[in-house]
């Protein structure tokens, strides 16, 4: 990464910001880093996404699409796609996470998030974008597989056998295929309080700033709802969860309610299984142990989702191969 400094200098010089003041912004779980740059003309955000481990092109594509739909993704001021630099609109510091930490009321923020989600999912052009399909393979083989590839070996002390891994993934495919039968929409896939912002001066759904959507896919209308309400990073009050589910259900009243409920449960379980493995991978591979603090909540959410009848076979698998004592390892590990 040593060459990134001169490349960043050259990018900012091309943007007319060679003399701008730079300040780092705390990063996320990826290899991207962010800087706030400011000069007399204004403030901007620089995304530094080093190839080949990162690619700015999906972010560019989705950001422009969301803005065309009337939603508040950052404006792209300049881009160097080959070197992985973007100059973005600075949407400020009022992430939902910061507003909540400062004592902001929870319900209005989640209402605002639902405004944006419903505006996206009911827009007739939402799926008119070239992004991957969120199918069973993406959710199982590239998602829930992290549980058997990272979490299970960590707590058992041995690699998962190929046969056990194959049986686990087969169960996910069986559960996910019918759960993905609902008409698709654009799923941003990281729709939660860390990636949502309050934008004063804007109206309606546009008051909700959107970040970190480069992994968007054409997928289930349930996915971003459960990403928001079943958040591994924070407990959402039951009253807010119930109210938001009701709002979402009313807005998508053309969808069968039982199918939407099944999709919510199955996709939530797949997401939580993936995230349990992800926290271990971030620790062991990437040297980021702080995410381990979220494992106890991740397990509570996973266990709750597994109670749905559509997940009976997977619940049996987890009870056999990841019994209570292996879950307690995570709960006792709130380091």
C-alpha atoms as a PDB file:
ATOM      1  CA  UNK A   1       0.000   0.000   0.000  1.00  0.00           C
ATOM      2  CA  UNK A   2       3.073   2.307   0.105  1.00  0.00           C
ATOM      3  CA  UNK A   3       2.427   3.492  -3.454  1.00  0.00           C
ATOM      4  CA  UNK A   4      -1.061   4.702  -2.505  1.00  0.00           C
ATOM      5  CA  UNK A   5       0.266   7.950  -1.046  1.00  0.00           C
ATOM      6  CA  UNK A   6       1.751   9.313  -4.282  1.00  0.00           C
ATOM      7  CA  UNK A   7      -1.232   8.027  -6.255  1.00  0.00           C
ATOM      8  CA  UNK A   8      -3.610   9.829  -3.877  1.00  0.00           C
ATOM      9  CA  UNK A   9      -1.530  13.010  -4.194  1.00  0.00           C
ATOM     10  CA  UNK A  10      -1.781  12.808  -7.978  1.00  0.00           C
ATOM     11  CA  UNK A  11      -5.531  12.163  -7.878  1.00  0.00           C
ATOM     12  CA  UNK A  12      -6.184  15.152  -5.628  1.00  0.00           C
ATOM     13  CA  UNK A  13      -3.959  17.316  -7.800  1.00  0.00           C
ATOM     14  CA  UNK A  14      -6.030  16.373 -10.845  1.00  0.00           C
ATOM     15  CA  UNK A  15      -9.127  17.362  -8.851  1.00  0.00           C
ATOM     16  CA  UNK A  16      -7.617  20.763  -8.066  1.00  0.00           C
ATOM     17  CA  UNK A  17      -7.194  19.784  -4.410  1.00  0.00           C
ATOM     18  CA  UNK A  18      -3.432  19.401  -4.109  1.00  0.00           C
ATOM     19  CA  UNK A  19      -3.297  21.839  -1.183  1.00  0.00           C
ATOM     20  CA  UNK A  20      -6.479  20.616   0.528  1.00  0.00           C
ATOM     21  CA  UNK A  21      -6.408  19.728   4.216  1.00  0.00           C
ATOM     22  CA  UNK A  22      -6.838  15.993   4.747  1.00  0.00           C
ATOM     23  CA  UNK A  23      -8.308  14.172   7.750  1.00  0.00           C
ATOM     24  CA  UNK A  24      -8.771  10.388   7.993  1.00  0.00           C
ATOM     25  CA  UNK A  25     -12.220   8.947   8.703  1.00  0.00           C
ATOM     26  CA  UNK A  26     -12.549   5.669  10.642  1.00  0.00           C
ATOM     27  CA  UNK A  27     -12.937   2.765   8.228  1.00  0.00           C
ATOM     28  CA  UNK A  28     -15.204  -0.250   8.014  1.00  0.00           C
ATOM     29  CA  UNK A  29     -14.634  -3.984   7.742  1.00  0.00           C
ATOM     30  CA  UNK A  30     -13.245  -3.721   4.191  1.00  0.00           C
ATOM     31  CA  UNK A  31      -9.881  -2.705   2.775  1.00  0.00           C
ATOM     32  CA  UNK A  32     -11.243   0.705   1.796  1.00  0.00           C
ATOM     33  CA  UNK A  33     -10.197   3.844   3.640  1.00  0.00           C
ATOM     34  CA  UNK A  34     -11.762   7.284   3.641  1.00  0.00           C
ATOM     35  CA  UNK A  35     -10.436  10.826   3.949  1.00  0.00           C
ATOM     36  CA  UNK A  36     -12.206  14.134   4.353  1.00  0.00           C
ATOM     37  CA  UNK A  37     -10.512  16.804   2.272  1.00  0.00           C
ATOM     38  CA  UNK A  38     -11.300  20.497   2.507  1.00  0.00           C
ATOM     39  CA  UNK A  39     -10.214  23.704   0.817  1.00  0.00           C
ATOM     40  CA  UNK A  40     -11.775  27.107   0.412  1.00  0.00           C
ATOM     41  CA  UNK A  41     -14.286  25.788  -2.114  1.00  0.00           C
ATOM     42  CA  UNK A  42     -15.800  23.091   0.083  1.00  0.00           C
ATOM     43  CA  UNK A  43     -15.444  19.678   1.696  1.00  0.00           C
ATOM     44  CA  UNK A  44     -15.321  16.299   0.017  1.00  0.00           C
ATOM     45  CA  UNK A  45     -14.851  12.635   0.875  1.00  0.00           C
ATOM     46  CA  UNK A  46     -12.140  10.593  -0.828  1.00  0.00           C
ATOM     47  CA  UNK A  47     -12.652   6.847  -1.084  1.00  0.00           C
ATOM     48  CA  UNK A  48      -9.352   4.994  -1.395  1.00  0.00           C
ATOM     49  CA  UNK A  49     -10.216   1.464  -2.577  1.00  0.00           C
ATOM     50  CA  UNK A  50      -6.992  -0.285  -3.579  1.00  0.00           C
ATOM     51  CA  UNK A  51      -7.177  -2.696  -6.503  1.00  0.00           C
ATOM     52  CA  UNK A  52      -7.297  -5.633  -6.835  1.00  0.00           C
ATOM     53  CA  UNK A  53      -8.857  -6.245  -3.398  1.00  0.00           C
ATOM     54  CA  UNK A  54     -11.400  -3.463  -3.984  1.00  0.00           C
ATOM     55  CA  UNK A  55     -13.185  -2.139  -7.059  1.00  0.00           C
ATOM     56  CA  UNK A  56     -14.907   1.264  -7.172  1.00  0.00           C
ATOM     57  CA  UNK A  57     -16.934   0.509 -10.299  1.00  0.00           C
ATOM     58  CA  UNK A  58     -19.890  -1.171  -8.525  1.00  0.00           C
ATOM     59  CA  UNK A  59     -20.105   1.767  -6.099  1.00  0.00           C
ATOM     60  CA  UNK A  60     -20.142   4.220  -9.007  1.00  0.00           C
ATOM     61  CA  UNK A  61     -22.826   2.268 -10.832  1.00  0.00           C
ATOM     62  CA  UNK A  62     -25.133   1.929  -7.820  1.00  0.00           C
ATOM     63  CA  UNK A  63     -24.602   5.501  -6.589  1.00  0.00           C
ATOM     64  CA  UNK A  64     -25.623   6.943  -9.936  1.00  0.00           C
ATOM     65  CA  UNK A  65     -28.638   4.647 -10.121  1.00  0.00           C
ATOM     66  CA  UNK A  66     -29.838   5.534  -6.619  1.00  0.00           C
ATOM     67  CA  UNK A  67     -29.538   9.239  -7.376  1.00  0.00           C
ATOM     68  CA  UNK A  68     -31.538   8.727 -10.582  1.00  0.00           C
ATOM     69  CA  UNK A  69     -34.267   7.158  -8.420  1.00  0.00           C
ATOM     70  CA  UNK A  70     -34.363  10.279  -6.236  1.00  0.00           C
ATOM     71  CA  UNK A  71     -32.453   8.811  -3.295  1.00  0.00           C
ATOM     72  CA  UNK A  72     -29.487  10.364  -1.515  1.00  0.00           C
ATOM     73  CA  UNK A  73     -26.355   8.494  -2.472  1.00  0.00           C
ATOM     74  CA  UNK A  74     -23.264  10.699  -2.591  1.00  0.00           C
ATOM     75  CA  UNK A  75     -22.684  12.696  -5.754  1.00  0.00           C
ATOM     76  CA  UNK A  76     -19.562  11.546  -7.602  1.00  0.00           C
ATOM     77  CA  UNK A  77     -17.337  14.569  -8.285  1.00  0.00           C
ATOM     78  CA  UNK A  78     -14.404  12.683  -9.810  1.00  0.00           C
ATOM     79  CA  UNK A  79     -13.251   9.094 -10.305  1.00  0.00           C
ATOM     80  CA  UNK A  80     -10.065   7.219 -11.114  1.00  0.00           C
ATOM     81  CA  UNK A  81     -11.509   3.759 -11.636  1.00  0.00           C
ATOM     82  CA  UNK A  82      -8.237   2.060 -12.541  1.00  0.00           C
ATOM     83  CA  UNK A  83      -6.407   3.234  -9.425  1.00  0.00           C
ATOM     84  CA  UNK A  84      -9.399   3.033  -7.093  1.00  0.00           C
ATOM     85  CA  UNK A  85     -10.019   6.631  -6.045  1.00  0.00           C
ATOM     86  CA  UNK A  86     -13.335   8.492  -5.839  1.00  0.00           C
ATOM     87  CA  UNK A  87     -14.039  12.100  -4.881  1.00  0.00           C
ATOM     88  CA  UNK A  88     -17.475  12.091  -3.279  1.00  0.00           C
ATOM     89  CA  UNK A  89     -19.997  14.541  -1.931  1.00  0.00           C
ATOM     90  CA  UNK A  90     -19.535  14.988   1.806  1.00  0.00           C
ATOM     91  CA  UNK A  91     -22.868  14.089   3.397  1.00  0.00           C
ATOM     92  CA  UNK A  92     -21.680  15.126   6.869  1.00  0.00           C
ATOM     93  CA  UNK A  93     -21.261  13.204  10.092  1.00  0.00           C
ATOM     94  CA  UNK A  94     -24.834  12.487  11.195  1.00  0.00           C
ATOM     95  CA  UNK A  95     -24.906   8.733  10.725  1.00  0.00           C
ATOM     96  CA  UNK A  96     -27.791   7.044  12.483  1.00  0.00           C
ATOM     97  CA  UNK A  97     -25.224   5.414  14.765  1.00  0.00           C
ATOM     98  CA  UNK A  98     -23.872   8.783  15.906  1.00  0.00           C
ATOM     99  CA  UNK A  99     -27.344  10.292  16.287  1.00  0.00           C
ATOM    100  CA  UNK A 100     -28.427   7.367  18.457  1.00  0.00           C
ATOM    101  CA  UNK A 101     -25.241   7.554  20.539  1.00  0.00           C
ATOM    102  CA  UNK A 102     -25.945  11.227  21.174  1.00  0.00           C
ATOM    103  CA  UNK A 103     -29.399  10.400  22.551  1.00  0.00           C
ATOM    104  CA  UNK A 104     -31.458  10.730  19.378  1.00  0.00           C
ATOM    105  CA  UNK A 105     -34.860   9.035  19.367  1.00  0.00           C
ATOM    106  CA  UNK A 106     -34.830   5.608  17.747  1.00  0.00           C
ATOM    107  CA  UNK A 107     -38.302   5.491  16.172  1.00  0.00           C
ATOM    108  CA  UNK A 108     -37.985   8.581  13.921  1.00  0.00           C
ATOM    109  CA  UNK A 109     -34.683   7.324  12.547  1.00  0.00           C
ATOM    110  CA  UNK A 110     -36.100   3.928  11.665  1.00  0.00           C
ATOM    111  CA  UNK A 111     -39.135   5.627  10.147  1.00  0.00           C
ATOM    112  CA  UNK A 112     -36.761   7.630   7.944  1.00  0.00           C
ATOM    113  CA  UNK A 113     -34.902   4.463   6.968  1.00  0.00           C
ATOM    114  CA  UNK A 114     -38.227   2.840   6.020  1.00  0.00           C
ATOM    115  CA  UNK A 115     -39.100   5.909   3.949  1.00  0.00           C
ATOM    116  CA  UNK A 116     -35.965   5.329   1.889  1.00  0.00           C
ATOM    117  CA  UNK A 117     -36.390   1.557   1.721  1.00  0.00           C
ATOM    118  CA  UNK A 118     -40.015   1.749   0.617  1.00  0.00           C
ATOM    119  CA  UNK A 119     -39.197   4.456  -1.940  1.00  0.00           C
ATOM    120  CA  UNK A 120     -36.540   2.167  -3.384  1.00  0.00           C
ATOM    121  CA  UNK A 121     -38.577  -1.035  -3.352  1.00  0.00           C
ATOM    122  CA  UNK A 122     -41.689   0.535  -4.872  1.00  0.00           C
ATOM    123  CA  UNK A 123     -39.885   2.466  -7.605  1.00  0.00           C
ATOM    124  CA  UNK A 124     -40.675   0.981 -11.039  1.00  0.00           C
ATOM    125  CA  UNK A 125     -37.067   1.401 -12.183  1.00  0.00           C
ATOM    126  CA  UNK A 126     -35.378  -0.032  -9.092  1.00  0.00           C
ATOM    127  CA  UNK A 127     -34.158  -3.175 -10.844  1.00  0.00           C
ATOM    128  CA  UNK A 128     -33.021  -1.481 -14.044  1.00  0.00           C
ATOM    129  CA  UNK A 129     -29.352  -1.779 -13.187  1.00  0.00           C
ATOM    130  CA  UNK A 130     -26.647  -4.273 -14.059  1.00  0.00           C
ATOM    131  CA  UNK A 131     -25.761  -5.881 -10.730  1.00  0.00           C
ATOM    132  CA  UNK A 132     -25.529  -9.555  -9.680  1.00  0.00           C
ATOM    133  CA  UNK A 133     -28.561 -11.634  -8.784  1.00  0.00           C
ATOM    134  CA  UNK A 134     -28.943 -12.458  -5.093  1.00  0.00           C
ATOM    135  CA  UNK A 135     -29.696 -16.136  -5.587  1.00  0.00           C
ATOM    136  CA  UNK A 136     -29.306 -19.169  -3.358  1.00  0.00           C
ATOM    137  CA  UNK A 137     -25.695 -19.591  -4.451  1.00  0.00           C
ATOM    138  CA  UNK A 138     -24.794 -16.066  -3.369  1.00  0.00           C
ATOM    139  CA  UNK A 139     -26.561 -16.396  -0.028  1.00  0.00           C
ATOM    140  CA  UNK A 140     -25.351 -19.918   0.741  1.00  0.00           C
ATOM    141  CA  UNK A 141     -22.090 -20.707  -1.067  1.00  0.00           C
ATOM    142  CA  UNK A 142     -20.737 -17.153  -0.827  1.00  0.00           C
ATOM    143  CA  UNK A 143     -22.539 -16.236   2.389  1.00  0.00           C
ATOM    144  CA  UNK A 144     -23.695 -18.734   4.991  1.00  0.00           C
ATOM    145  CA  UNK A 145     -20.672 -20.897   4.111  1.00  0.00           C
ATOM    146  CA  UNK A 146     -18.562 -18.549   6.246  1.00  0.00           C
ATOM    147  CA  UNK A 147     -20.068 -20.267   9.270  1.00  0.00           C
ATOM    148  CA  UNK A 148     -18.592 -23.674   8.431  1.00  0.00           C
ATOM    149  CA  UNK A 149     -15.423 -22.184   6.936  1.00  0.00           C
ATOM    150  CA  UNK A 150     -14.522 -19.875   9.849  1.00  0.00           C
ATOM    151  CA  UNK A 151     -16.792 -20.077  12.903  1.00  0.00           C
ATOM    152  CA  UNK A 152     -17.108 -23.837  13.255  1.00  0.00           C
ATOM    153  CA  UNK A 153     -13.373 -24.569  12.885  1.00  0.00           C
ATOM    154  CA  UNK A 154     -12.591 -21.843  15.414  1.00  0.00           C
ATOM    155  CA  UNK A 155     -14.820 -23.281  18.146  1.00  0.00           C
ATOM    156  CA  UNK A 156     -14.215 -26.971  17.446  1.00  0.00           C
ATOM    157  CA  UNK A 157     -10.494 -26.759  16.759  1.00  0.00           C
ATOM    158  CA  UNK A 158     -10.738 -28.710  13.504  1.00  0.00           C
ATOM    159  CA  UNK A 159     -11.552 -28.057   9.876  1.00  0.00           C
ATOM    160  CA  UNK A 160     -15.074 -28.753   8.683  1.00  0.00           C
ATOM    161  CA  UNK A 161     -15.161 -31.970   6.658  1.00  0.00           C
ATOM    162  CA  UNK A 162     -16.147 -31.693   2.971  1.00  0.00           C
ATOM    163  CA  UNK A 163     -19.176 -33.945   3.553  1.00  0.00           C
ATOM    164  CA  UNK A 164     -20.452 -31.880   6.475  1.00  0.00           C
ATOM    165  CA  UNK A 165     -19.911 -28.658   4.528  1.00  0.00           C
ATOM    166  CA  UNK A 166     -21.781 -30.040   1.521  1.00  0.00           C
ATOM    167  CA  UNK A 167     -24.709 -31.209   3.656  1.00  0.00           C
ATOM    168  CA  UNK A 168     -24.910 -27.808   5.352  1.00  0.00           C
ATOM    169  CA  UNK A 169     -24.971 -25.933   2.041  1.00  0.00           C
ATOM    170  CA  UNK A 170     -27.568 -28.313   0.597  1.00  0.00           C
ATOM    171  CA  UNK A 171     -29.887 -27.490   3.488  1.00  0.00           C
ATOM    172  CA  UNK A 172     -29.433 -23.781   2.813  1.00  0.00           C
ATOM    173  CA  UNK A 173     -30.222 -24.212  -0.874  1.00  0.00           C
ATOM    174  CA  UNK A 174     -33.384 -26.141   0.035  1.00  0.00           C
ATOM    175  CA  UNK A 175     -34.518 -23.357   2.398  1.00  0.00           C
ATOM    176  CA  UNK A 176     -33.446 -20.394   0.277  1.00  0.00           C
ATOM    177  CA  UNK A 177     -34.858 -21.409  -3.106  1.00  0.00           C
ATOM    178  CA  UNK A 178     -38.555 -21.049  -2.133  1.00  0.00           C
ATOM    179  CA  UNK A 179     -37.754 -18.042   0.081  1.00  0.00           C
ATOM    180  CA  UNK A 180     -36.426 -16.184  -2.964  1.00  0.00           C
ATOM    181  CA  UNK A 181     -39.617 -16.627  -4.981  1.00  0.00           C
ATOM    182  CA  UNK A 182     -40.939 -13.113  -4.259  1.00  0.00           C
ATOM    183  CA  UNK A 183     -40.690 -10.500  -7.044  1.00  0.00           C
ATOM    184  CA  UNK A 184     -37.166  -9.067  -6.779  1.00  0.00           C
ATOM    185  CA  UNK A 185     -36.030  -5.546  -6.044  1.00  0.00           C
ATOM    186  CA  UNK A 186     -32.670  -3.833  -5.612  1.00  0.00           C
ATOM    187  CA  UNK A 187     -31.153  -4.992  -2.317  1.00  0.00           C
ATOM    188  CA  UNK A 188     -28.374  -2.736  -1.009  1.00  0.00           C
ATOM    189  CA  UNK A 189     -27.266  -5.566   1.363  1.00  0.00           C
ATOM    190  CA  UNK A 190     -25.669  -3.386   4.065  1.00  0.00           C
ATOM    191  CA  UNK A 191     -28.716  -1.337   4.975  1.00  0.00           C
ATOM    192  CA  UNK A 192     -28.192  -0.593   8.676  1.00  0.00           C
ATOM    193  CA  UNK A 193     -27.550   2.312  11.023  1.00  0.00           C
ATOM    194  CA  UNK A 194     -23.806   2.567  10.332  1.00  0.00           C
ATOM    195  CA  UNK A 195     -24.536   3.226   6.655  1.00  0.00           C
ATOM    196  CA  UNK A 196     -27.520   5.575   6.949  1.00  0.00           C
ATOM    197  CA  UNK A 197     -27.375   9.332   7.536  1.00  0.00           C
ATOM    198  CA  UNK A 198     -29.719  12.154   8.473  1.00  0.00           C
ATOM    199  CA  UNK A 199     -29.474  14.913   5.870  1.00  0.00           C
ATOM    200  CA  UNK A 200     -31.028  18.125   7.128  1.00  0.00           C
ATOM    201  CA  UNK A 201     -32.402  20.350   4.407  1.00  0.00           C
ATOM    202  CA  UNK A 202     -33.729  17.498   2.300  1.00  0.00           C
ATOM    203  CA  UNK A 203     -37.277  16.214   2.190  1.00  0.00           C
ATOM    204  CA  UNK A 204     -38.968  12.834   2.372  1.00  0.00           C
ATOM    205  CA  UNK A 205     -36.929   9.759   1.590  1.00  0.00           C
ATOM    206  CA  UNK A 206     -34.083  11.976   0.363  1.00  0.00           C
ATOM    207  CA  UNK A 207     -33.415  12.958   4.009  1.00  0.00           C
ATOM    208  CA  UNK A 208     -31.892   9.502   4.418  1.00  0.00           C
ATOM    209  CA  UNK A 209     -28.312   9.435   3.152  1.00  0.00           C
ATOM    210  CA  UNK A 210     -27.133   6.072   1.817  1.00  0.00           C
ATOM    211  CA  UNK A 211     -23.600   4.705   2.157  1.00  0.00           C
ATOM    212  CA  UNK A 212     -21.762   1.429   1.513  1.00  0.00           C
ATOM    213  CA  UNK A 213     -23.946  -0.102  -1.183  1.00  0.00           C
ATOM    214  CA  UNK A 214     -21.291  -1.406  -3.594  1.00  0.00           C
ATOM    215  CA  UNK A 215     -22.414  -5.006  -2.974  1.00  0.00           C
ATOM    216  CA  UNK A 216     -25.989  -4.309  -4.109  1.00  0.00           C
ATOM    217  CA  UNK A 217     -27.801  -7.100  -5.945  1.00  0.00           C
ATOM    218  CA  UNK A 218     -31.161  -7.852  -7.477  1.00  0.00           C
ATOM    219  CA  UNK A 219     -32.734  -9.761  -4.624  1.00  0.00           C
ATOM    220  CA  UNK A 220     -35.516 -10.202  -2.133  1.00  0.00           C
ATOM    221  CA  UNK A 221     -37.490  -7.263  -0.708  1.00  0.00           C
ATOM    222  CA  UNK A 222     -37.008  -8.941   2.682  1.00  0.00           C
ATOM    223  CA  UNK A 223     -33.224  -8.657   2.744  1.00  0.00           C
ATOM    224  CA  UNK A 224     -32.684  -4.967   3.497  1.00  0.00           C
ATOM    225  CA  UNK A 225     -35.566  -4.995   5.970  1.00  0.00           C
ATOM    226  CA  UNK A 226     -33.926  -7.683   8.084  1.00  0.00           C
ATOM    227  CA  UNK A 227     -30.521  -6.026   7.617  1.00  0.00           C
ATOM    228  CA  UNK A 228     -31.994  -2.913   9.241  1.00  0.00           C
ATOM    229  CA  UNK A 229     -34.082  -4.509  11.981  1.00  0.00           C
ATOM    230  CA  UNK A 230     -31.947  -7.544  12.883  1.00  0.00           C
ATOM    231  CA  UNK A 231     -28.718  -5.625  13.327  1.00  0.00           C
ATOM    232  CA  UNK A 232     -25.790  -7.532  14.815  1.00  0.00           C
ATOM    233  CA  UNK A 233     -24.342  -4.240  16.036  1.00  0.00           C
ATOM    234  CA  UNK A 234     -27.239  -3.022  18.169  1.00  0.00           C
ATOM    235  CA  UNK A 235     -30.506  -4.116  19.757  1.00  0.00           C
ATOM    236  CA  UNK A 236     -33.563  -2.567  18.129  1.00  0.00           C
ATOM    237  CA  UNK A 237     -36.538  -2.146  20.430  1.00  0.00           C
ATOM    238  CA  UNK A 238     -39.347  -4.686  19.842  1.00  0.00           C
ATOM    239  CA  UNK A 239     -41.871  -1.891  19.382  1.00  0.00           C
ATOM    240  CA  UNK A 240     -39.829  -0.313  16.604  1.00  0.00           C
ATOM    241  CA  UNK A 241     -39.268  -3.697  14.945  1.00  0.00           C
ATOM    242  CA  UNK A 242     -43.004  -4.433  14.995  1.00  0.00           C
ATOM    243  CA  UNK A 243     -43.911  -0.987  13.675  1.00  0.00           C
ATOM    244  CA  UNK A 244     -41.372  -1.126  10.845  1.00  0.00           C
ATOM    245  CA  UNK A 245     -42.407  -4.620   9.810  1.00  0.00           C
ATOM    246  CA  UNK A 246     -46.024  -3.451   9.692  1.00  0.00           C
ATOM    247  CA  UNK A 247     -45.124  -0.383   7.622  1.00  0.00           C
ATOM    248  CA  UNK A 248     -43.112  -2.465   5.185  1.00  0.00           C
ATOM    249  CA  UNK A 249     -45.880  -5.062   4.930  1.00  0.00           C
ATOM    250  CA  UNK A 250     -48.472  -2.367   4.207  1.00  0.00           C
ATOM    251  CA  UNK A 251     -46.297  -0.754   1.536  1.00  0.00           C
ATOM    252  CA  UNK A 252     -45.804  -4.126  -0.169  1.00  0.00           C
ATOM    253  CA  UNK A 253     -49.381  -5.280   0.324  1.00  0.00           C
ATOM    254  CA  UNK A 254     -49.385  -6.886  -3.127  1.00  0.00           C
ATOM    255  CA  UNK A 255     -47.006  -9.582  -1.807  1.00  0.00           C
ATOM    256  CA  UNK A 256     -48.361 -12.625   0.084  1.00  0.00           C
ATOM    257  CA  UNK A 257     -47.801 -11.957   3.780  1.00  0.00           C
ATOM    258  CA  UNK A 258     -46.825 -15.514   4.684  1.00  0.00           C
ATOM    259  CA  UNK A 259     -44.244 -15.643   1.892  1.00  0.00           C
ATOM    260  CA  UNK A 260     -42.754 -12.332   2.984  1.00  0.00           C
ATOM    261  CA  UNK A 261     -42.548 -13.578   6.591  1.00  0.00           C
ATOM    262  CA  UNK A 262     -40.852 -16.780   5.442  1.00  0.00           C
ATOM    263  CA  UNK A 263     -38.396 -14.806   3.332  1.00  0.00           C
ATOM    264  CA  UNK A 264     -37.585 -12.575   6.294  1.00  0.00           C
ATOM    265  CA  UNK A 265     -36.844 -15.559   8.537  1.00  0.00           C
ATOM    266  CA  UNK A 266     -34.796 -17.553   6.024  1.00  0.00           C
ATOM    267  CA  UNK A 267     -32.775 -14.606   4.766  1.00  0.00           C
ATOM    268  CA  UNK A 268     -32.203 -13.390   8.317  1.00  0.00           C
ATOM    269  CA  UNK A 269     -30.870 -16.797   9.347  1.00  0.00           C
ATOM    270  CA  UNK A 270     -28.580 -16.984   6.313  1.00  0.00           C
ATOM    271  CA  UNK A 271     -27.301 -13.482   6.985  1.00  0.00           C
ATOM    272  CA  UNK A 272     -26.626 -14.172  10.668  1.00  0.00           C
ATOM    273  CA  UNK A 273     -24.816 -17.440   9.867  1.00  0.00           C
ATOM    274  CA  UNK A 274     -22.631 -15.542   7.411  1.00  0.00           C
ATOM    275  CA  UNK A 275     -21.952 -12.767   9.900  1.00  0.00           C
ATOM    276  CA  UNK A 276     -20.979 -15.196  12.674  1.00  0.00           C
ATOM    277  CA  UNK A 277     -18.302 -16.540  10.363  1.00  0.00           C
ATOM    278  CA  UNK A 278     -17.387 -13.057   9.173  1.00  0.00           C
ATOM    279  CA  UNK A 279     -16.606 -11.854  12.709  1.00  0.00           C
ATOM    280  CA  UNK A 280     -14.146 -14.744  13.095  1.00  0.00           C
ATOM    281  CA  UNK A 281     -12.581 -14.084   9.703  1.00  0.00           C
ATOM    282  CA  UNK A 282     -12.134 -10.392  10.484  1.00  0.00           C
ATOM    283  CA  UNK A 283     -10.344 -11.413  13.671  1.00  0.00           C
ATOM    284  CA  UNK A 284      -8.189 -14.269  12.395  1.00  0.00           C
ATOM    285  CA  UNK A 285      -7.432 -13.141   8.843  1.00  0.00           C
ATOM    286  CA  UNK A 286      -7.626  -9.360   9.030  1.00  0.00           C
ATOM    287  CA  UNK A 287      -6.483  -8.664  12.597  1.00  0.00           C
ATOM    288  CA  UNK A 288      -9.735  -6.913  13.617  1.00  0.00           C
ATOM    289  CA  UNK A 289     -10.817  -8.519  16.926  1.00  0.00           C
ATOM    290  CA  UNK A 290     -13.234  -5.740  17.870  1.00  0.00           C
ATOM    291  CA  UNK A 291     -16.046  -7.345  15.894  1.00  0.00           C
ATOM    292  CA  UNK A 292     -16.052 -10.355  18.237  1.00  0.00           C
ATOM    293  CA  UNK A 293     -18.114  -8.275  20.670  1.00  0.00           C
ATOM    294  CA  UNK A 294     -21.053  -8.664  18.267  1.00  0.00           C
ATOM    295  CA  UNK A 295     -21.058 -12.474  18.316  1.00  0.00           C
ATOM    296  CA  UNK A 296     -23.449 -12.921  21.276  1.00  0.00           C
ATOM    297  CA  UNK A 297     -26.097 -10.777  19.619  1.00  0.00           C
ATOM    298  CA  UNK A 298     -25.498 -12.509  16.297  1.00  0.00           C
ATOM    299  CA  UNK A 299     -26.229 -15.856  17.940  1.00  0.00           C
ATOM    300  CA  UNK A 300     -29.415 -14.562  19.594  1.00  0.00           C
ATOM    301  CA  UNK A 301     -30.673 -13.307  16.235  1.00  0.00           C
ATOM    302  CA  UNK A 302     -29.730 -16.537  14.468  1.00  0.00           C
ATOM    303  CA  UNK A 303     -31.467 -18.691  17.076  1.00  0.00           C
ATOM    304  CA  UNK A 304     -34.620 -16.577  16.817  1.00  0.00           C
ATOM    305  CA  UNK A 305     -34.699 -16.850  13.018  1.00  0.00           C
ATOM    306  CA  UNK A 306     -34.175 -20.620  13.136  1.00  0.00           C
ATOM    307  CA  UNK A 307     -37.474 -21.032  14.998  1.00  0.00           C
ATOM    308  CA  UNK A 308     -39.409 -20.487  11.754  1.00  0.00           C
ATOM    309  CA  UNK A 309     -40.851 -23.782  10.410  1.00  0.00           C
ATOM    310  CA  UNK A 310     -39.162 -23.213   7.053  1.00  0.00           C
ATOM    311  CA  UNK A 311     -35.843 -23.687   8.842  1.00  0.00           C
ATOM    312  CA  UNK A 312     -36.635 -26.866  10.806  1.00  0.00           C
ATOM    313  CA  UNK A 313     -33.954 -28.923   9.054  1.00  0.00           C
ATOM    314  CA  UNK A 314     -31.316 -26.262   9.569  1.00  0.00           C
ATOM    315  CA  UNK A 315     -32.271 -25.861  13.217  1.00  0.00           C
ATOM    316  CA  UNK A 316     -31.632 -29.591  13.677  1.00  0.00           C
ATOM    317  CA  UNK A 317     -28.259 -29.234  11.917  1.00  0.00           C
ATOM    318  CA  UNK A 318     -27.200 -26.352  14.162  1.00  0.00           C
ATOM    319  CA  UNK A 319     -28.352 -28.164  17.309  1.00  0.00           C
ATOM    320  CA  UNK A 320     -26.245 -31.180  16.317  1.00  0.00           C
ATOM    321  CA  UNK A 321     -23.105 -29.534  14.957  1.00  0.00           C
ATOM    322  CA  UNK A 322     -23.073 -26.189  16.807  1.00  0.00           C
ATOM    323  CA  UNK A 323     -24.763 -27.050  20.119  1.00  0.00           C
ATOM    324  CA  UNK A 324     -25.203 -24.721  23.062  1.00  0.00           C
ATOM    325  CA  UNK A 325     -21.678 -25.154  24.412  1.00  0.00           C
ATOM    326  CA  UNK A 326     -20.178 -23.992  21.111  1.00  0.00           C
ATOM    327  CA  UNK A 327     -22.443 -20.960  21.106  1.00  0.00           C
ATOM    328  CA  UNK A 328     -21.423 -20.114  24.672  1.00  0.00           C
ATOM    329  CA  UNK A 329     -17.844 -19.842  23.476  1.00  0.00           C
ATOM    330  CA  UNK A 330     -18.974 -16.843  21.476  1.00  0.00           C
ATOM    331  CA  UNK A 331     -21.060 -15.383  24.297  1.00  0.00           C
ATOM    332  CA  UNK A 332     -18.274 -15.708  26.798  1.00  0.00           C
ATOM    333  CA  UNK A 333     -15.893 -14.171  24.283  1.00  0.00           C
ATOM    334  CA  UNK A 334     -17.172 -10.604  24.491  1.00  0.00           C
ATOM    335  CA  UNK A 335     -13.616  -9.436  24.534  1.00  0.00           C
END
